[in-house]
PDB file of N, CA and C in Angstrom:
ATOM      1  N   MET A   1     118.415 127.087 -53.368  1.00  0.00           N
ATOM      2  CA  MET A   1     117.152 127.514 -53.895  1.00  0.00           C
ATOM      3  C   MET A   1     116.005 127.224 -52.948  1.00  0.00           C
ATOM      4  N   SER A   2     116.275 127.045 -51.734  1.00  0.00           N
ATOM      5  CA  SER A   2     115.201 126.766 -50.793  1.00  0.00           C
ATOM      6  C   SER A   2     114.502 128.054 -50.416  1.00  0.00           C
ATOM      7  N   PHE A   3     113.209 128.037 -50.550  1.00  0.00           N
ATOM      8  CA  PHE A   3     112.419 129.219 -50.219  1.00  0.00           C
ATOM      9  C   PHE A   3     112.013 129.222 -48.740  1.00  0.00           C
ATOM     10  N   PHE A   4     112.137 128.076 -48.085  1.00  0.00           N
ATOM     11  CA  PHE A   4     111.665 127.964 -46.705  1.00  0.00           C
ATOM     12  C   PHE A   4     112.750 128.266 -45.684  1.00  0.00           C
ATOM     13  N   ILE A   5     113.953 128.396 -46.094  1.00  0.00           N
ATOM     14  CA  ILE A   5     115.043 128.631 -45.163  1.00  0.00           C
ATOM     15  C   ILE A   5     114.902 129.976 -44.469  1.00  0.00           C
ATOM     16  N   GLN A   6     114.247 130.890 -45.099  1.00  0.00           N
ATOM     17  CA  GLN A   6     114.095 132.213 -44.508  1.00  0.00           C
ATOM     18  C   GLN A   6     113.142 132.183 -43.313  1.00  0.00           C
ATOM     19  N   SER A   7     112.196 131.252 -43.324  1.00  0.00           N
ATOM     20  CA  SER A   7     111.240 131.216 -42.217  1.00  0.00           C
ATOM     21  C   SER A   7     111.700 130.301 -41.082  1.00  0.00           C
ATOM     22  N   ALA A   8     112.825 129.632 -41.245  1.00  0.00           N
ATOM     23  CA  ALA A   8     113.328 128.766 -40.190  1.00  0.00           C
ATOM     24  C   ALA A   8     113.971 129.617 -39.114  1.00  0.00           C
ATOM     25  N   HIS A   9     113.596 129.349 -37.903  1.00  0.00           N
ATOM     26  CA  HIS A   9     114.143 130.108 -36.784  1.00  0.00           C
ATOM     27  C   HIS A   9     114.711 129.125 -35.777  1.00  0.00           C
ATOM     28  N   ALA A  10     115.615 129.586 -35.025  1.00  0.00           N
ATOM     29  CA  ALA A  10     116.159 128.749 -33.959  1.00  0.00           C
ATOM     30  C   ALA A  10     115.103 128.592 -32.869  1.00  0.00           C
ATOM     31  N   ALA A  11     115.063 127.420 -32.279  1.00  0.00           N
ATOM     32  CA  ALA A  11     114.090 127.175 -31.213  1.00  0.00           C
ATOM     33  C   ALA A  11     114.427 128.025 -30.006  1.00  0.00           C
ATOM     34  N   GLU A  12     113.373 128.522 -29.396  1.00  0.00           N
ATOM     35  CA  GLU A  12     113.585 129.335 -28.211  1.00  0.00           C
ATOM     36  C   GLU A  12     113.912 128.419 -27.039  1.00  0.00           C
ATOM     37  N   THR A  13     114.594 128.947 -26.084  1.00  0.00           N
ATOM     38  CA  THR A  13     114.921 128.138 -24.912  1.00  0.00           C
ATOM     39  C   THR A  13     113.642 127.863 -24.130  1.00  0.00           C
ATOM     40  N   ALA A  14     113.580 126.679 -23.574  1.00  0.00           N
ATOM     41  CA  ALA A  14     112.389 126.280 -22.820  1.00  0.00           C
ATOM     42  C   ALA A  14     112.280 127.108 -21.555  1.00  0.00           C
ATOM     43  N   ALA A  15     111.047 127.340 -21.168  1.00  0.00           N
ATOM     44  CA  ALA A  15     110.821 128.080 -19.934  1.00  0.00           C
ATOM     45  C   ALA A  15     111.315 127.233 -18.771  1.00  0.00           C
ATOM     46  N   GLY A  16     111.615 127.841 -17.677  1.00  0.00           N
ATOM     47  CA  GLY A  16     112.120 127.120 -16.513  1.00  0.00           C
ATOM     48  C   GLY A  16     111.161 126.024 -16.091  1.00  0.00           C
ATOM     49  N   GLY A  17     111.671 124.821 -15.935  1.00  0.00           N
ATOM     50  CA  GLY A  17     110.842 123.681 -15.551  1.00  0.00           C
ATOM     51  C   GLY A  17     110.334 123.833 -14.129  1.00  0.00           C
ATOM     52  N   ALA A  18     109.381 122.996 -13.783  1.00  0.00           N
ATOM     53  CA  ALA A  18     108.839 123.022 -12.431  1.00  0.00           C
ATOM     54  C   ALA A  18     109.931 122.612 -11.451  1.00  0.00           C
ATOM     55  N   SER A  19     109.837 123.117 -10.270  1.00  0.00           N
ATOM     56  CA  SER A  19     110.856 122.800  -9.277  1.00  0.00           C
ATOM     57  C   SER A  19     110.781 121.319  -8.906  1.00  0.00           C
ATOM     58  N   ILE A  20     111.842 120.811  -8.347  1.00  0.00           N
ATOM     59  CA  ILE A  20     111.889 119.410  -7.943  1.00  0.00           C
ATOM     60  C   ILE A  20     110.837 119.141  -6.875  1.00  0.00           C
ATOM     61  N   PHE A  21     110.550 120.136  -6.051  1.00  0.00           N
ATOM     62  CA  PHE A  21     109.519 120.004  -5.021  1.00  0.00           C
ATOM     63  C   PHE A  21     108.154 119.771  -5.661  1.00  0.00           C
ATOM     64  N   GLY A  22     107.855 120.497  -6.713  1.00  0.00           N
ATOM     65  CA  GLY A  22     106.581 120.337  -7.414  1.00  0.00           C
ATOM     66  C   GLY A  22     106.481 119.005  -8.126  1.00  0.00           C
ATOM     67  N   GLN A  23     107.588 118.508  -8.631  1.00  0.00           N
ATOM     68  CA  GLN A  23     107.582 117.232  -9.341  1.00  0.00           C
ATOM     69  C   GLN A  23     107.393 116.056  -8.386  1.00  0.00           C
ATOM     70  N   ILE A  24     107.861 116.176  -7.180  1.00  0.00           N
ATOM     71  CA  ILE A  24     107.718 115.101  -6.205  1.00  0.00           C
ATOM     72  C   ILE A  24     106.385 115.206  -5.466  1.00  0.00           C
ATOM     73  N   LEU A  25     105.921 116.410  -5.232  1.00  0.00           N
ATOM     74  CA  LEU A  25     104.707 116.619  -4.449  1.00  0.00           C
ATOM     75  C   LEU A  25     103.469 116.022  -5.110  1.00  0.00           C
ATOM     76  N   LEU A  26     103.327 116.149  -6.403  1.00  0.00           N
ATOM     77  CA  LEU A  26     102.135 115.659  -7.087  1.00  0.00           C
ATOM     78  C   LEU A  26     101.987 114.133  -6.988  1.00  0.00           C
ATOM     79  N   PRO A  27     103.009 113.326  -7.300  1.00  0.00           N
ATOM     80  CA  PRO A  27     102.847 111.871  -7.134  1.00  0.00           C
ATOM     81  C   PRO A  27     102.619 111.455  -5.675  1.00  0.00           C
ATOM     82  N   VAL A  28     103.264 112.134  -4.745  1.00  0.00           N
ATOM     83  CA  VAL A  28     103.060 111.815  -3.333  1.00  0.00           C
ATOM     84  C   VAL A  28     101.620 112.125  -2.933  1.00  0.00           C
ATOM     85  N   ALA A  29     101.089 113.230  -3.408  1.00  0.00           N
ATOM     86  CA  ALA A  29      99.700 113.586  -3.106  1.00  0.00           C
ATOM     87  C   ALA A  29      98.738 112.564  -3.710  1.00  0.00           C
ATOM     88  N   PHE A  30      98.984 112.132  -4.947  1.00  0.00           N
ATOM     89  CA  PHE A  30      98.127 111.124  -5.572  1.00  0.00           C
ATOM     90  C   PHE A  30      98.173 109.808  -4.795  1.00  0.00           C
ATOM     91  N   PHE A  31      99.361 109.390  -4.377  1.00  0.00           N
ATOM     92  CA  PHE A  31      99.478 108.154  -3.608  1.00  0.00           C
ATOM     93  C   PHE A  31      98.749 108.269  -2.273  1.00  0.00           C
ATOM     94  N   ALA A  32      98.875 109.413  -1.602  1.00  0.00           N
ATOM     95  CA  ALA A  32      98.200 109.601  -0.315  1.00  0.00           C
ATOM     96  C   ALA A  32      96.685 109.535  -0.480  1.00  0.00           C
ATOM     97  N   ILE A  33      96.164 110.167  -1.512  1.00  0.00           N
ATOM     98  CA  ILE A  33      94.722 110.128  -1.772  1.00  0.00           C
ATOM     99  C   ILE A  33      94.297 108.693  -2.074  1.00  0.00           C
ATOM    100  N   PHE A  34      95.039 107.998  -2.921  1.00  0.00           N
ATOM    101  CA  PHE A  34      94.736 106.607  -3.272  1.00  0.00           C
ATOM    102  C   PHE A  34      94.773 105.722  -2.028  1.00  0.00           C
ATOM    103  N   TYR A  35      95.765 105.943  -1.169  1.00  0.00           N
ATOM    104  CA  TYR A  35      95.899 105.143   0.047  1.00  0.00           C
ATOM    105  C   TYR A  35      94.685 105.319   0.949  1.00  0.00           C
ATOM    106  N   PHE A  36      94.287 106.563   1.205  1.00  0.00           N
ATOM    107  CA  PHE A  36      93.188 106.805   2.138  1.00  0.00           C
ATOM    108  C   PHE A  36      91.816 106.488   1.550  1.00  0.00           C
ATOM    109  N   LEU A  37      91.668 106.517   0.236  1.00  0.00           N
ATOM    110  CA  LEU A  37      90.371 106.232  -0.375  1.00  0.00           C
ATOM    111  C   LEU A  37      90.200 104.771  -0.787  1.00  0.00           C
ATOM    112  N   VAL A  38      91.300 104.053  -1.041  1.00  0.00           N
ATOM    113  CA  VAL A  38      91.186 102.687  -1.557  1.00  0.00           C
ATOM    114  C   VAL A  38      91.877 101.661  -0.655  1.00  0.00           C
ATOM    115  N   ILE A  39      93.152 101.800  -0.442  1.00  0.00           N
ATOM    116  CA  ILE A  39      93.942 100.765   0.230  1.00  0.00           C
ATOM    117  C   ILE A  39      93.544 100.601   1.693  1.00  0.00           C
ATOM    118  N   ARG A  40      93.468 101.682   2.432  1.00  0.00           N
ATOM    119  CA  ARG A  40      93.178 101.601   3.863  1.00  0.00           C
ATOM    120  C   ARG A  40      91.788 101.024   4.153  1.00  0.00           C
ATOM    121  N   PRO A  41      90.717 101.502   3.491  1.00  0.00           N
ATOM    122  CA  PRO A  41      89.403 100.894   3.760  1.00  0.00           C
ATOM    123  C   PRO A  41      89.339  99.410   3.390  1.00  0.00           C
ATOM    124  N   GLN A  42      90.005  99.027   2.296  1.00  0.00           N
ATOM    125  CA  GLN A  42      89.987  97.617   1.889  1.00  0.00           C
ATOM    126  C   GLN A  42      90.711  96.744   2.911  1.00  0.00           C
ATOM    127  N   SER A  43      91.847  97.210   3.419  1.00  0.00           N
ATOM    128  CA  SER A  43      92.568  96.413   4.413  1.00  0.00           C
ATOM    129  C   SER A  43      91.775  96.334   5.716  1.00  0.00           C
ATOM    130  N   LYS A  44      91.028  97.378   6.049  1.00  0.00           N
ATOM    131  CA  LYS A  44      90.181  97.351   7.241  1.00  0.00           C
ATOM    132  C   LYS A  44      89.064  96.320   7.085  1.00  0.00           C
ATOM    133  N   ARG A  45      88.416  96.288   5.907  1.00  0.00           N
ATOM    134  CA  ARG A  45      87.363  95.300   5.657  1.00  0.00           C
ATOM    135  C   ARG A  45      87.925  93.881   5.696  1.00  0.00           C
ATOM    136  N   THR A  46      89.105  93.685   5.136  1.00  0.00           N
ATOM    137  CA  THR A  46      89.739  92.364   5.136  1.00  0.00           C
ATOM    138  C   THR A  46      90.036  91.908   6.561  1.00  0.00           C
ATOM    139  N   LYS A  47      90.530  92.812   7.380  1.00  0.00           N
ATOM    140  CA  LYS A  47      90.843  92.484   8.769  1.00  0.00           C
ATOM    141  C   LYS A  47      89.569  92.127   9.543  1.00  0.00           C
ATOM    142  N   GLU A  48      88.484  92.887   9.336  1.00  0.00           N
ATOM    143  CA  GLU A  48      87.216  92.594  10.007  1.00  0.00           C
ATOM    144  C   GLU A  48      86.662  91.236   9.572  1.00  0.00           C
ATOM    145  N   HIS A  49      86.754  90.938   8.274  1.00  0.00           N
ATOM    146  CA  HIS A  49      86.250  89.656   7.769  1.00  0.00           C
ATOM    147  C   HIS A  49      87.062  88.500   8.338  1.00  0.00           C
ATOM    148  N   ARG A  50      88.377  88.661   8.385  1.00  0.00           N
ATOM    149  CA  ARG A  50      89.251  87.612   8.919  1.00  0.00           C
ATOM    150  C   ARG A  50      88.920  87.341  10.389  1.00  0.00           C
ATOM    151  N   SER A  51      88.698  88.402  11.173  1.00  0.00           N
ATOM    152  CA  SER A  51      88.371  88.195  12.587  1.00  0.00           C
ATOM    153  C   SER A  51      86.994  87.551  12.743  1.00  0.00           C
ATOM    154  N   MET A  52      86.037  87.896  11.858  1.00  0.00           N
ATOM    155  CA  MET A  52      84.714  87.276  11.904  1.00  0.00           C
ATOM    156  C   MET A  52      84.819  85.780  11.597  1.00  0.00           C
ATOM    157  N   VAL A  53      85.597  85.426  10.580  1.00  0.00           N
ATOM    158  CA  VAL A  53      85.754  84.022  10.197  1.00  0.00           C
ATOM    159  C   VAL A  53      86.455  83.239  11.307  1.00  0.00           C
ATOM    160  N   ASN A  54      87.444  83.838  11.944  1.00  0.00           N
ATOM    161  CA  ASN A  54      88.152  83.151  13.026  1.00  0.00           C
ATOM    162  C   ASN A  54      87.281  82.985  14.269  1.00  0.00           C
ATOM    163  N   ALA A  55      86.261  83.824  14.427  1.00  0.00           N
ATOM    164  CA  ALA A  55      85.393  83.764  15.600  1.00  0.00           C
ATOM    165  C   ALA A  55      84.208  82.817  15.418  1.00  0.00           C
ATOM    166  N   LEU A  56      84.101  82.162  14.264  1.00  0.00           N
ATOM    167  CA  LEU A  56      82.986  81.242  14.038  1.00  0.00           C
ATOM    168  C   LEU A  56      83.055  80.076  15.020  1.00  0.00           C
ATOM    169  N   THR A  57      81.897  79.690  15.519  1.00  0.00           N
ATOM    170  CA  THR A  57      81.820  78.561  16.443  1.00  0.00           C
ATOM    171  C   THR A  57      80.714  77.620  15.985  1.00  0.00           C
ATOM    172  N   VAL A  58      80.727  76.417  16.531  1.00  0.00           N
ATOM    173  CA  VAL A  58      79.667  75.453  16.236  1.00  0.00           C
ATOM    174  C   VAL A  58      78.356  76.037  16.764  1.00  0.00           C
ATOM    175  N   GLY A  59      77.340  76.015  15.922  1.00  0.00           N
ATOM    176  CA  GLY A  59      76.039  76.562  16.289  1.00  0.00           C
ATOM    177  C   GLY A  59      75.798  77.964  15.763  1.00  0.00           C
ATOM    178  N   SER A  60      76.839  78.619  15.224  1.00  0.00           N
ATOM    179  CA  SER A  60      76.657  79.957  14.651  1.00  0.00           C
ATOM    180  C   SER A  60      75.759  79.872  13.431  1.00  0.00           C
ATOM    181  N   GLU A  61      74.874  80.836  13.292  1.00  0.00           N
ATOM    182  CA  GLU A  61      74.007  80.911  12.118  1.00  0.00           C
ATOM    183  C   GLU A  61      74.621  81.919  11.164  1.00  0.00           C
ATOM    184  N   VAL A  62      74.838  81.497   9.909  1.00  0.00           N
ATOM    185  CA  VAL A  62      75.606  82.307   8.967  1.00  0.00           C
ATOM    186  C   VAL A  62      74.927  82.389   7.604  1.00  0.00           C
ATOM    187  N   ILE A  63      75.333  83.406   6.846  1.00  0.00           N
ATOM    188  CA  ILE A  63      74.945  83.543   5.440  1.00  0.00           C
ATOM    189  C   ILE A  63      76.225  83.471   4.623  1.00  0.00           C
ATOM    190  N   PHE A  64      76.177  82.724   3.514  1.00  0.00           N
ATOM    191  CA  PHE A  64      77.344  82.551   2.656  1.00  0.00           C
ATOM    192  C   PHE A  64      77.256  83.443   1.430  1.00  0.00           C
ATOM    193  N   ALA A  65      78.368  83.563   0.726  1.00  0.00           N
ATOM    194  CA  ALA A  65      78.445  84.427  -0.452  1.00  0.00           C
ATOM    195  C   ALA A  65      77.437  84.031  -1.522  1.00  0.00           C
ATOM    196  N   GLY A  66      77.089  82.781  -1.611  1.00  0.00           N
ATOM    197  CA  GLY A  66      76.114  82.330  -2.603  1.00  0.00           C
ATOM    198  C   GLY A  66      74.675  82.541  -2.181  1.00  0.00           C
ATOM    199  N   GLY A  67      74.453  83.039  -0.960  1.00  0.00           N
ATOM    200  CA  GLY A  67      73.108  83.293  -0.491  1.00  0.00           C
ATOM    201  C   GLY A  67      72.542  82.208   0.398  1.00  0.00           C
ATOM    202  N   LEU A  68      73.270  81.113   0.576  1.00  0.00           N
ATOM    203  CA  LEU A  68      72.794  80.044   1.451  1.00  0.00           C
ATOM    204  C   LEU A  68      72.847  80.496   2.905  1.00  0.00           C
ATOM    205  N   MET A  69      71.914  80.001   3.690  1.00  0.00           N
ATOM    206  CA  MET A  69      71.854  80.336   5.099  1.00  0.00           C
ATOM    207  C   MET A  69      71.777  79.032   5.877  1.00  0.00           C
ATOM    208  N   GLY A  70      72.603  78.903   6.911  1.00  0.00           N
ATOM    209  CA  GLY A  70      72.587  77.664   7.668  1.00  0.00           C
ATOM    210  C   GLY A  70      73.252  77.805   9.017  1.00  0.00           C
ATOM    211  N   ARG A  71      73.286  76.687   9.741  1.00  0.00           N
ATOM    212  CA  ARG A  71      73.869  76.636  11.076  1.00  0.00           C
ATOM    213  C   ARG A  71      75.119  75.763  11.010  1.00  0.00           C
ATOM    214  N   ILE A  72      76.214  76.256  11.565  1.00  0.00           N
ATOM    215  CA  ILE A  72      77.475  75.510  11.541  1.00  0.00           C
ATOM    216  C   ILE A  72      77.356  74.302  12.462  1.00  0.00           C
ATOM    217  N   LYS A  73      77.671  73.143  11.890  1.00  0.00           N
ATOM    218  CA  LYS A  73      77.583  71.882  12.619  1.00  0.00           C
ATOM    219  C   LYS A  73      78.955  71.428  13.117  1.00  0.00           C
ATOM    220  N   LYS A  74      79.994  71.655  12.285  1.00  0.00           N
ATOM    221  CA  LYS A  74      81.341  71.207  12.633  1.00  0.00           C
ATOM    222  C   LYS A  74      82.351  72.097  11.910  1.00  0.00           C
ATOM    223  N   LEU A  75      83.465  72.412  12.580  1.00  0.00           N
ATOM    224  CA  LEU A  75      84.550  73.188  11.976  1.00  0.00           C
ATOM    225  C   LEU A  75      85.734  72.268  11.739  1.00  0.00           C
ATOM    226  N   GLU A  76      86.274  72.311  10.514  1.00  0.00           N
ATOM    227  CA  GLU A  76      87.404  71.458  10.130  1.00  0.00           C
ATOM    228  C   GLU A  76      88.456  72.305   9.433  1.00  0.00           C
ATOM    229  N   GLY A  77      89.292  72.983  10.187  1.00  0.00           N
ATOM    230  CA  GLY A  77      90.333  73.822   9.594  1.00  0.00           C
ATOM    231  C   GLY A  77      89.739  74.993   8.837  1.00  0.00           C
ATOM    232  N   ASP A  78      89.997  75.049   7.533  1.00  0.00           N
ATOM    233  CA  ASP A  78      89.478  76.132   6.698  1.00  0.00           C
ATOM    234  C   ASP A  78      88.075  75.852   6.185  1.00  0.00           C
ATOM    235  N   TYR A  79      87.496  74.732   6.583  1.00  0.00           N
ATOM    236  CA  TYR A  79      86.168  74.346   6.106  1.00  0.00           C
ATOM    237  C   TYR A  79      85.203  74.219   7.279  1.00  0.00           C
ATOM    238  N   ALA A  80      83.922  74.287   6.954  1.00  0.00           N
ATOM    239  CA  ALA A  80      82.875  74.104   7.953  1.00  0.00           C
ATOM    240  C   ALA A  80      81.787  73.226   7.358  1.00  0.00           C
ATOM    241  N   VAL A  81      81.251  72.344   8.174  1.00  0.00           N
ATOM    242  CA  VAL A  81      80.087  71.557   7.775  1.00  0.00           C
ATOM    243  C   VAL A  81      78.880  72.336   8.276  1.00  0.00           C
ATOM    244  N   VAL A  82      77.993  72.665   7.344  1.00  0.00           N
ATOM    245  CA  VAL A  82      76.853  73.521   7.660  1.00  0.00           C
ATOM    246  C   VAL A  82      75.563  72.761   7.402  1.00  0.00           C
ATOM    247  N   SER A  83      74.653  72.865   8.342  1.00  0.00           N
ATOM    248  CA  SER A  83      73.341  72.246   8.209  1.00  0.00           C
ATOM    249  C   SER A  83      72.385  73.285   7.631  1.00  0.00           C
ATOM    250  N   LEU A  84      71.881  73.015   6.418  1.00  0.00           N
ATOM    251  CA  LEU A  84      70.926  73.922   5.791  1.00  0.00           C
ATOM    252  C   LEU A  84      69.518  73.662   6.311  1.00  0.00           C
ATOM    253  N   ASN A  85      69.207  72.409   6.567  1.00  0.00           N
ATOM    254  CA  ASN A  85      67.956  72.004   7.212  1.00  0.00           C
ATOM    255  C   ASN A  85      68.229  70.685   7.921  1.00  0.00           C
ATOM    256  N   ASN A  86      67.204  70.013   8.358  1.00  0.00           N
ATOM    257  CA  ASN A  86      67.415  68.776   9.124  1.00  0.00           C
ATOM    258  C   ASN A  86      68.066  67.670   8.306  1.00  0.00           C
ATOM    259  N   ASN A  87      67.887  67.676   6.992  1.00  0.00           N
ATOM    260  CA  ASN A  87      68.373  66.578   6.155  1.00  0.00           C
ATOM    261  C   ASN A  87      69.576  66.931   5.294  1.00  0.00           C
ATOM    262  N   THR A  88      69.945  68.194   5.207  1.00  0.00           N
ATOM    263  CA  THR A  88      70.968  68.615   4.254  1.00  0.00           C
ATOM    264  C   THR A  88      72.150  69.262   4.964  1.00  0.00           C
ATOM    265  N   ASP A  89      73.310  68.627   4.824  1.00  0.00           N
ATOM    266  CA  ASP A  89      74.562  69.190   5.330  1.00  0.00           C
ATOM    267  C   ASP A  89      75.490  69.400   4.148  1.00  0.00           C
ATOM    268  N   ILE A  90      76.209  70.520   4.154  1.00  0.00           N
ATOM    269  CA  ILE A  90      77.183  70.797   3.100  1.00  0.00           C
ATOM    270  C   ILE A  90      78.502  71.208   3.742  1.00  0.00           C
ATOM    271  N   LYS A  91      79.576  71.035   2.985  1.00  0.00           N
ATOM    272  CA  LYS A  91      80.900  71.438   3.438  1.00  0.00           C
ATOM    273  C   LYS A  91      81.322  72.641   2.605  1.00  0.00           C
ATOM    274  N   VAL A  92      81.639  73.746   3.280  1.00  0.00           N
ATOM    275  CA  VAL A  92      81.991  74.988   2.586  1.00  0.00           C
ATOM    276  C   VAL A  92      83.255  75.579   3.202  1.00  0.00           C
ATOM    277  N   GLN A  93      83.883  76.473   2.453  1.00  0.00           N
ATOM    278  CA  GLN A  93      85.033  77.192   2.990  1.00  0.00           C
ATOM    279  C   GLN A  93      84.553  78.222   4.001  1.00  0.00           C
ATOM    280  N   ARG A  94      85.288  78.346   5.083  1.00  0.00           N
ATOM    281  CA  ARG A  94      84.917  79.320   6.112  1.00  0.00           C
ATOM    282  C   ARG A  94      84.992  80.744   5.569  1.00  0.00           C
ATOM    283  N   ALA A  95      85.895  80.988   4.631  1.00  0.00           N
ATOM    284  CA  ALA A  95      86.064  82.337   4.085  1.00  0.00           C
ATOM    285  C   ALA A  95      84.862  82.789   3.272  1.00  0.00           C
ATOM    286  N   SER A  96      83.980  81.859   2.888  1.00  0.00           N
ATOM    287  CA  SER A  96      82.814  82.251   2.098  1.00  0.00           C
ATOM    288  C   SER A  96      81.686  82.811   2.960  1.00  0.00           C
ATOM    289  N   VAL A  97      81.862  82.811   4.269  1.00  0.00           N
ATOM    290  CA  VAL A  97      80.862  83.405   5.163  1.00  0.00           C
ATOM    291  C   VAL A  97      80.919  84.919   5.002  1.00  0.00           C
ATOM    292  N   ILE A  98      79.772  85.530   4.735  1.00  0.00           N
ATOM    293  CA  ILE A  98      79.753  86.990   4.605  1.00  0.00           C
ATOM    294  C   ILE A  98      79.071  87.666   5.782  1.00  0.00           C
ATOM    295  N   SER A  99      78.289  86.897   6.551  1.00  0.00           N
ATOM    296  CA  SER A  99      77.583  87.508   7.675  1.00  0.00           C
ATOM    297  C   SER A  99      77.245  86.449   8.717  1.00  0.00           C
ATOM    298  N   VAL A 100      77.364  86.835   9.979  1.00  0.00           N
ATOM    299  CA  VAL A 100      76.934  85.975  11.076  1.00  0.00           C
ATOM    300  C   VAL A 100      75.612  86.537  11.580  1.00  0.00           C
ATOM    301  N   LEU A 101      74.602  85.680  11.631  1.00  0.00           N
ATOM    302  CA  LEU A 101      73.265  86.098  12.046  1.00  0.00           C
ATOM    303  C   LEU A 101      73.113  85.988  13.563  1.00  0.00           C
ATOM    304  N   PRO A 102      72.210  86.773  14.139  1.00  0.00           N
ATOM    305  CA  PRO A 102      71.922  86.606  15.568  1.00  0.00           C
ATOM    306  C   PRO A 102      71.319  85.225  15.825  1.00  0.00           C
ATOM    307  N   ALA A 103      71.574  84.687  16.993  1.00  0.00           N
ATOM    308  CA  ALA A 103      71.069  83.352  17.338  1.00  0.00           C
ATOM    309  C   ALA A 103      69.545  83.335  17.260  1.00  0.00           C
ATOM    310  N   GLY A 104      69.002  82.284  16.671  1.00  0.00           N
ATOM    311  CA  GLY A 104      67.563  82.124  16.558  1.00  0.00           C
ATOM    312  C   GLY A 104      66.958  82.693  15.294  1.00  0.00           C
ATOM    313  N   THR A 105      67.760  83.287  14.436  1.00  0.00           N
ATOM    314  CA  THR A 105      67.233  83.885  13.206  1.00  0.00           C
ATOM    315  C   THR A 105      66.654  82.829  12.283  1.00  0.00           C
ATOM    316  N   ILE A 106      67.363  81.735  12.116  1.00  0.00           N
ATOM    317  CA  ILE A 106      66.897  80.686  11.203  1.00  0.00           C
ATOM    318  C   ILE A 106      65.615  80.049  11.733  1.00  0.00           C
ATOM    319  N   ASP A 107      65.540  79.846  13.046  1.00  0.00           N
ATOM    320  CA  ASP A 107      64.327  79.260  13.623  1.00  0.00           C
ATOM    321  C   ASP A 107      63.133  80.196  13.478  1.00  0.00           C
ATOM    322  N   GLY A 108      63.374  81.494  13.449  1.00  0.00           N
ATOM    323  CA  GLY A 108      62.299  82.473  13.331  1.00  0.00           C
ATOM    324  C   GLY A 108      61.743  82.602  11.934  1.00  0.00           C
ATOM    325  N   ILE A 109      62.464  82.077  10.947  1.00  0.00           N
ATOM    326  CA  ILE A 109      61.999  82.149   9.560  1.00  0.00           C
ATOM    327  C   ILE A 109      61.214  80.879   9.264  1.00  0.00           C
ATOM    328  N   SER A 110      59.962  81.034   8.904  1.00  0.00           N
ATOM    329  CA  SER A 110      59.171  79.849   8.558  1.00  0.00           C
ATOM    330  C   SER A 110      59.087  79.730   7.049  1.00  0.00           C
ATOM    331  N   LEU A 111      58.812  78.543   6.568  1.00  0.00           N
ATOM    332  CA  LEU A 111      58.730  78.313   5.127  1.00  0.00           C
ATOM    333  C   LEU A 111      57.561  79.047   4.494  1.00  0.00           C
ATOM    334  N   SER A 112      56.550  79.385   5.277  1.00  0.00           N
ATOM    335  CA  SER A 112      55.407  80.089   4.700  1.00  0.00           C
ATOM    336  C   SER A 112      55.770  81.517   4.313  1.00  0.00           C
ATOM    337  N   LYS A 113      56.799  82.078   4.926  1.00  0.00           N
ATOM    338  CA  LYS A 113      57.222  83.442   4.602  1.00  0.00           C
ATOM    339  C   LYS A 113      58.124  83.481   3.381  1.00  0.00           C
ATOM    340  N   VAL A 114      58.722  82.365   3.038  1.00  0.00           N
ATOM    341  CA  VAL A 114      59.687  82.341   1.943  1.00  0.00           C
ATOM    342  C   VAL A 114      58.997  82.252   0.617  1.00  0.00           C
TER     343      VAL A 114
END
């Protein structure tokens, strides 16, 4: 007594799927785009930062990630003792250096300008 059996039809066969070439090409293209837009530039920045940190010497004037600016007094492995002024020395990680300033920059900044 089912009234709906008349409207039931067999499912049609699925249309031909995409070729294996098309299925592989799309993920490879996405990875290539991701690599050139994200991974490669980040690894380049990391390499430049690592070489900058390794090139630090005593007397270099630097800016740290927290905004502090000072002159390197002593290098101790992964750490540096930095002189912020004549009376204040701090010990920081070398990796926290974000920029090396040209020599004489700190001397050129007077307290009246700050």
